[in-house]
């Protein structure tokens, strides 16, 4: 399995089913929130290693990691997440204007509207892993582009801001603004990153073989996802 290959529809569904299964904690991320989370990691100002961000996918440090049936399944799922992340990174590097956040859609008053709350929440969670490092963009002329992410993704917003998200059409418009803003946010941070393409392979290379596996299984890396020398 090559980590540069995008997920097939079948693989996407496989990962989706796993994240929604009872073998994951109730607060495990879903595909749309995961997409937002990984996007923030890819375009943000600092590299975040898998040992830190993988547990967030499963629900955070306080949640139980998934109940993988086998080491092979653990390796498989983490590999799918790695490819999902790399697909985001490659798209933003090669064709940033073609990047599309994974928003859900539903009907409201006879029209289809985008629901970007889960995606924005995932992006917000990714930002929180390096909250101080993200601060310069809030103090720049791009701050207005970050506001839709805040309004849809933050756990709490100001009471006077609630009217900005009090119906699906308003939230739809904010989601569309997020989609338009991501290439600009990506461009803002490029000078601060060592590489425009943040791949999971390089991150994985920094995990020692005697370290705990960053997938959260509780096993040593060499006995889990590194068993076949495959990098996360």
Protein backbone atom coordinates (compact mmCIF):
# COMPACT_ATOMS: atom_id res chain seq x y z
CA UNK A 1 0.00 0.00 0.00
CA UNK A 2 1.52 3.28 -1.15
CA UNK A 3 0.85 6.19 1.19
CA UNK A 4 0.68 8.60 -1.74
CA UNK A 5 -2.38 6.87 -3.20
CA UNK A 6 -5.75 8.48 -2.42
CA UNK A 7 -8.38 6.33 -0.78
CA UNK A 8 -10.67 4.44 -3.08
CA UNK A 9 -14.41 4.67 -2.46
CA UNK A 10 -14.27 1.21 -0.92
CA UNK A 11 -11.43 2.20 1.42
CA UNK A 12 -13.20 5.43 2.35
CA UNK A 13 -16.28 3.42 3.33
CA UNK A 14 -14.12 0.95 5.25
CA UNK A 15 -12.57 3.72 7.36
CA UNK A 16 -15.96 5.38 7.79
CA UNK A 17 -17.53 2.16 9.10
CA UNK A 18 -14.66 1.58 11.50
CA UNK A 19 -14.83 5.08 13.00
CA UNK A 20 -18.58 4.68 13.50
CA UNK A 21 -18.33 1.15 14.91
CA UNK A 22 -18.77 0.24 18.56
CA UNK A 23 -15.06 -0.61 18.69
CA UNK A 24 -14.33 3.12 18.77
CA UNK A 25 -15.26 5.49 21.57
CA UNK A 26 -18.45 7.51 21.18
CA UNK A 27 -16.43 10.71 20.85
CA UNK A 28 -14.19 9.31 18.11
CA UNK A 29 -13.98 11.57 15.07
CA UNK A 30 -16.11 10.88 12.01
CA UNK A 31 -14.90 11.19 8.42
CA UNK A 32 -15.94 14.84 8.08
CA UNK A 33 -14.43 15.98 11.39
CA UNK A 34 -11.33 13.87 10.67
CA UNK A 35 -10.93 15.61 7.31
CA UNK A 36 -11.07 19.01 9.01
CA UNK A 37 -8.64 17.89 11.71
CA UNK A 38 -6.10 16.54 9.24
CA UNK A 39 -6.41 19.66 7.09
CA UNK A 40 -5.44 21.85 10.05
CA UNK A 41 -2.42 19.61 10.70
CA UNK A 42 -1.37 19.73 7.05
CA UNK A 43 -1.60 23.48 6.56
CA UNK A 44 -0.76 24.71 10.06
CA UNK A 45 2.40 26.53 11.17
CA UNK A 46 4.11 23.64 12.95
CA UNK A 47 4.56 19.92 12.45
CA UNK A 48 2.61 17.73 14.87
CA UNK A 49 3.73 14.13 15.28
CA UNK A 50 1.36 11.14 15.12
CA UNK A 51 2.01 10.28 18.75
CA UNK A 52 0.21 13.52 19.61
CA UNK A 53 -2.51 13.73 16.98
CA UNK A 54 -3.61 10.10 16.60
CA UNK A 55 -5.06 9.88 20.14
CA UNK A 56 -7.15 12.98 19.36
CA UNK A 57 -8.83 11.08 16.54
CA UNK A 58 -9.93 8.36 18.96
CA UNK A 59 -11.48 10.95 21.30
CA UNK A 60 -8.53 12.46 23.15
CA UNK A 61 -6.19 11.23 25.90
CA UNK A 62 -9.07 10.42 28.23
CA UNK A 63 -10.79 8.09 25.75
CA UNK A 64 -9.99 4.46 25.18
CA UNK A 65 -8.16 3.67 21.92
CA UNK A 66 -10.06 1.51 19.43
CA UNK A 67 -10.49 -2.16 20.18
CA UNK A 68 -8.50 -3.43 17.21
CA UNK A 69 -9.07 -7.12 16.55
CA UNK A 70 -5.53 -7.71 15.35
CA UNK A 71 -2.25 -5.86 14.86
CA UNK A 72 -2.87 -6.12 11.13
CA UNK A 73 -6.17 -4.30 11.48
CA UNK A 74 -4.49 -1.57 13.54
CA UNK A 75 -1.87 -1.14 10.84
CA UNK A 76 -4.56 -1.11 8.17
CA UNK A 77 -6.69 1.60 9.79
CA UNK A 78 -3.75 3.84 10.63
CA UNK A 79 -2.49 3.39 7.08
CA UNK A 80 -5.85 4.54 5.69
CA UNK A 81 -5.73 7.63 7.92
CA UNK A 82 -2.18 8.32 6.72
CA UNK A 83 -3.28 8.17 3.09
CA UNK A 84 -6.32 10.34 3.85
CA UNK A 85 -3.94 12.94 5.30
CA UNK A 86 -1.50 12.72 2.43
CA UNK A 87 -4.30 13.14 -0.09
CA UNK A 88 -5.16 16.45 1.58
CA UNK A 89 -1.52 17.53 1.60
CA UNK A 90 -0.91 16.67 -2.04
CA UNK A 91 -4.10 18.37 -3.23
CA UNK A 92 -3.21 21.57 -1.40
CA UNK A 93 0.33 21.50 -2.77
CA UNK A 94 -0.51 20.68 -6.38
CA UNK A 95 -3.96 22.21 -6.88
CA UNK A 96 -5.05 24.19 -3.80
CA UNK A 97 -8.04 25.77 -5.54
CA UNK A 98 -9.46 22.30 -6.17
CA UNK A 99 -9.43 21.42 -2.47
CA UNK A 100 -12.89 20.58 -1.15
CA UNK A 101 -13.65 20.21 2.57
CA UNK A 102 -15.73 17.15 3.35
CA UNK A 103 -19.05 18.73 4.26
CA UNK A 104 -22.27 16.83 4.82
CA UNK A 105 -25.39 18.00 3.00
CA UNK A 106 -29.01 17.98 4.01
CA UNK A 107 -32.32 19.47 2.93
CA UNK A 108 -33.65 22.66 4.48
CA UNK A 109 -36.77 24.40 3.23
CA UNK A 110 -36.59 22.62 -0.11
CA UNK A 111 -32.91 23.26 -0.85
CA UNK A 112 -29.67 21.46 -0.23
CA UNK A 113 -27.40 23.12 2.29
CA UNK A 114 -23.85 22.29 3.35
CA UNK A 115 -23.31 21.37 6.98
CA UNK A 116 -19.75 22.34 7.85
CA UNK A 117 -19.96 22.17 11.63
CA UNK A 118 -18.26 18.79 12.07
CA UNK A 119 -15.51 19.69 9.59
CA UNK A 120 -14.93 23.08 11.24
CA UNK A 121 -14.87 21.45 14.69
CA UNK A 122 -12.20 19.01 13.50
CA UNK A 123 -10.16 21.87 12.04
CA UNK A 124 -10.52 23.80 15.30
CA UNK A 125 -9.31 20.78 17.27
CA UNK A 126 -6.28 20.56 15.02
CA UNK A 127 -5.53 24.23 15.61
CA UNK A 128 -5.77 23.77 19.37
CA UNK A 129 -2.83 21.37 19.27
CA UNK A 130 -0.68 24.39 18.38
CA UNK A 131 -2.85 27.25 19.62
CA UNK A 132 -0.01 29.73 20.21
CA UNK A 133 1.60 29.00 16.86
CA UNK A 134 -1.69 29.79 15.08
CA UNK A 135 -1.97 33.19 16.79
CA UNK A 136 -0.21 35.24 14.05
CA UNK A 137 -2.97 34.56 11.53
CA UNK A 138 -5.55 35.98 13.94
CA UNK A 139 -3.47 39.15 14.08
CA UNK A 140 -3.04 39.38 10.30
CA UNK A 141 -5.21 40.66 7.47
CA UNK A 142 -6.43 37.06 7.02
CA UNK A 143 -8.21 37.07 10.39
CA UNK A 144 -11.65 37.53 8.72
CA UNK A 145 -11.04 34.29 6.79
CA UNK A 146 -10.66 32.43 10.08
CA UNK A 147 -13.91 33.72 11.55
CA UNK A 148 -16.22 31.15 9.83
CA UNK A 149 -14.06 28.34 11.23
CA UNK A 150 -14.42 29.85 14.68
CA UNK A 151 -18.18 30.37 14.38
CA UNK A 152 -18.87 26.82 13.22
CA UNK A 153 -16.07 24.94 14.97
CA UNK A 154 -15.37 26.47 18.38
CA UNK A 155 -16.91 24.78 21.41
CA UNK A 156 -18.24 28.13 22.58
CA UNK A 157 -18.89 31.45 20.86
CA UNK A 158 -20.09 34.75 22.28
CA UNK A 159 -23.79 35.10 23.00
CA UNK A 160 -24.14 37.97 20.55
CA UNK A 161 -22.65 35.74 17.81
CA UNK A 162 -25.29 33.04 18.15
CA UNK A 163 -27.56 34.80 15.66
CA UNK A 164 -24.88 34.25 13.01
CA UNK A 165 -25.36 30.47 13.20
CA UNK A 166 -29.00 30.15 14.20
CA UNK A 167 -30.28 28.54 10.99
CA UNK A 168 -28.93 26.07 8.40
CA UNK A 169 -28.77 28.67 5.62
CA UNK A 170 -26.47 30.93 7.63
CA UNK A 171 -24.29 27.93 8.48
CA UNK A 172 -24.26 26.92 4.81
CA UNK A 173 -22.91 30.34 3.83
CA UNK A 174 -20.20 30.08 6.47
CA UNK A 175 -19.23 26.64 5.18
CA UNK A 176 -18.85 28.04 1.66
CA UNK A 177 -16.68 30.83 3.05
CA UNK A 178 -14.47 28.22 4.74
CA UNK A 179 -13.97 26.36 1.46
CA UNK A 180 -12.88 29.58 -0.26
CA UNK A 181 -10.55 30.49 2.61
CA UNK A 182 -8.54 27.28 2.96
CA UNK A 183 -6.14 27.91 0.02
CA UNK A 184 -5.37 31.37 1.44
CA UNK A 185 -4.80 30.00 4.93
CA UNK A 186 -2.55 27.34 3.44
CA UNK A 187 -0.55 29.99 1.56
CA UNK A 188 -0.18 32.11 4.71
CA UNK A 189 1.72 29.40 6.58
CA UNK A 190 3.91 28.11 3.75
CA UNK A 191 6.94 30.30 4.61
CA UNK A 192 6.98 28.84 8.13
CA UNK A 193 6.93 25.21 7.08
CA UNK A 194 9.96 23.21 6.05
CA UNK A 195 7.97 21.64 3.23
CA UNK A 196 4.73 22.47 1.45
CA UNK A 197 3.74 18.80 1.51
CA UNK A 198 3.49 17.51 5.09
CA UNK A 199 3.56 13.74 4.72
CA UNK A 200 2.87 11.16 7.33
CA UNK A 201 5.91 9.14 6.21
CA UNK A 202 8.32 11.70 7.62
CA UNK A 203 6.33 11.97 10.81
CA UNK A 204 6.39 8.24 11.25
CA UNK A 205 10.12 8.11 10.80
CA UNK A 206 10.50 9.94 14.08
CA UNK A 207 8.71 7.23 16.05
CA UNK A 208 11.28 4.96 17.72
CA UNK A 209 10.74 1.26 17.26
CA UNK A 210 10.74 0.76 21.03
CA UNK A 211 8.32 3.65 21.61
CA UNK A 212 4.62 3.10 22.21
CA UNK A 213 2.80 2.91 18.89
CA UNK A 214 1.13 6.27 18.15
CA UNK A 215 -2.02 4.50 16.95
CA UNK A 216 -3.02 4.10 20.60
CA UNK A 217 -2.98 0.32 20.75
CA UNK A 218 -0.68 0.35 23.79
CA UNK A 219 1.85 -1.91 22.08
CA UNK A 220 5.41 -1.12 21.07
CA UNK A 221 5.70 0.39 17.61
CA UNK A 222 7.87 -2.49 16.41
CA UNK A 223 5.19 -4.96 17.53
CA UNK A 224 2.29 -3.02 16.03
CA UNK A 225 2.17 -0.68 13.04
CA UNK A 226 5.94 -0.93 12.53
CA UNK A 227 5.91 -4.72 12.41
CA UNK A 228 6.52 -4.72 8.67
CA UNK A 229 8.73 -1.61 8.70
CA UNK A 230 5.84 0.44 7.32
CA UNK A 231 5.82 4.03 8.44
CA UNK A 232 2.64 5.75 9.60
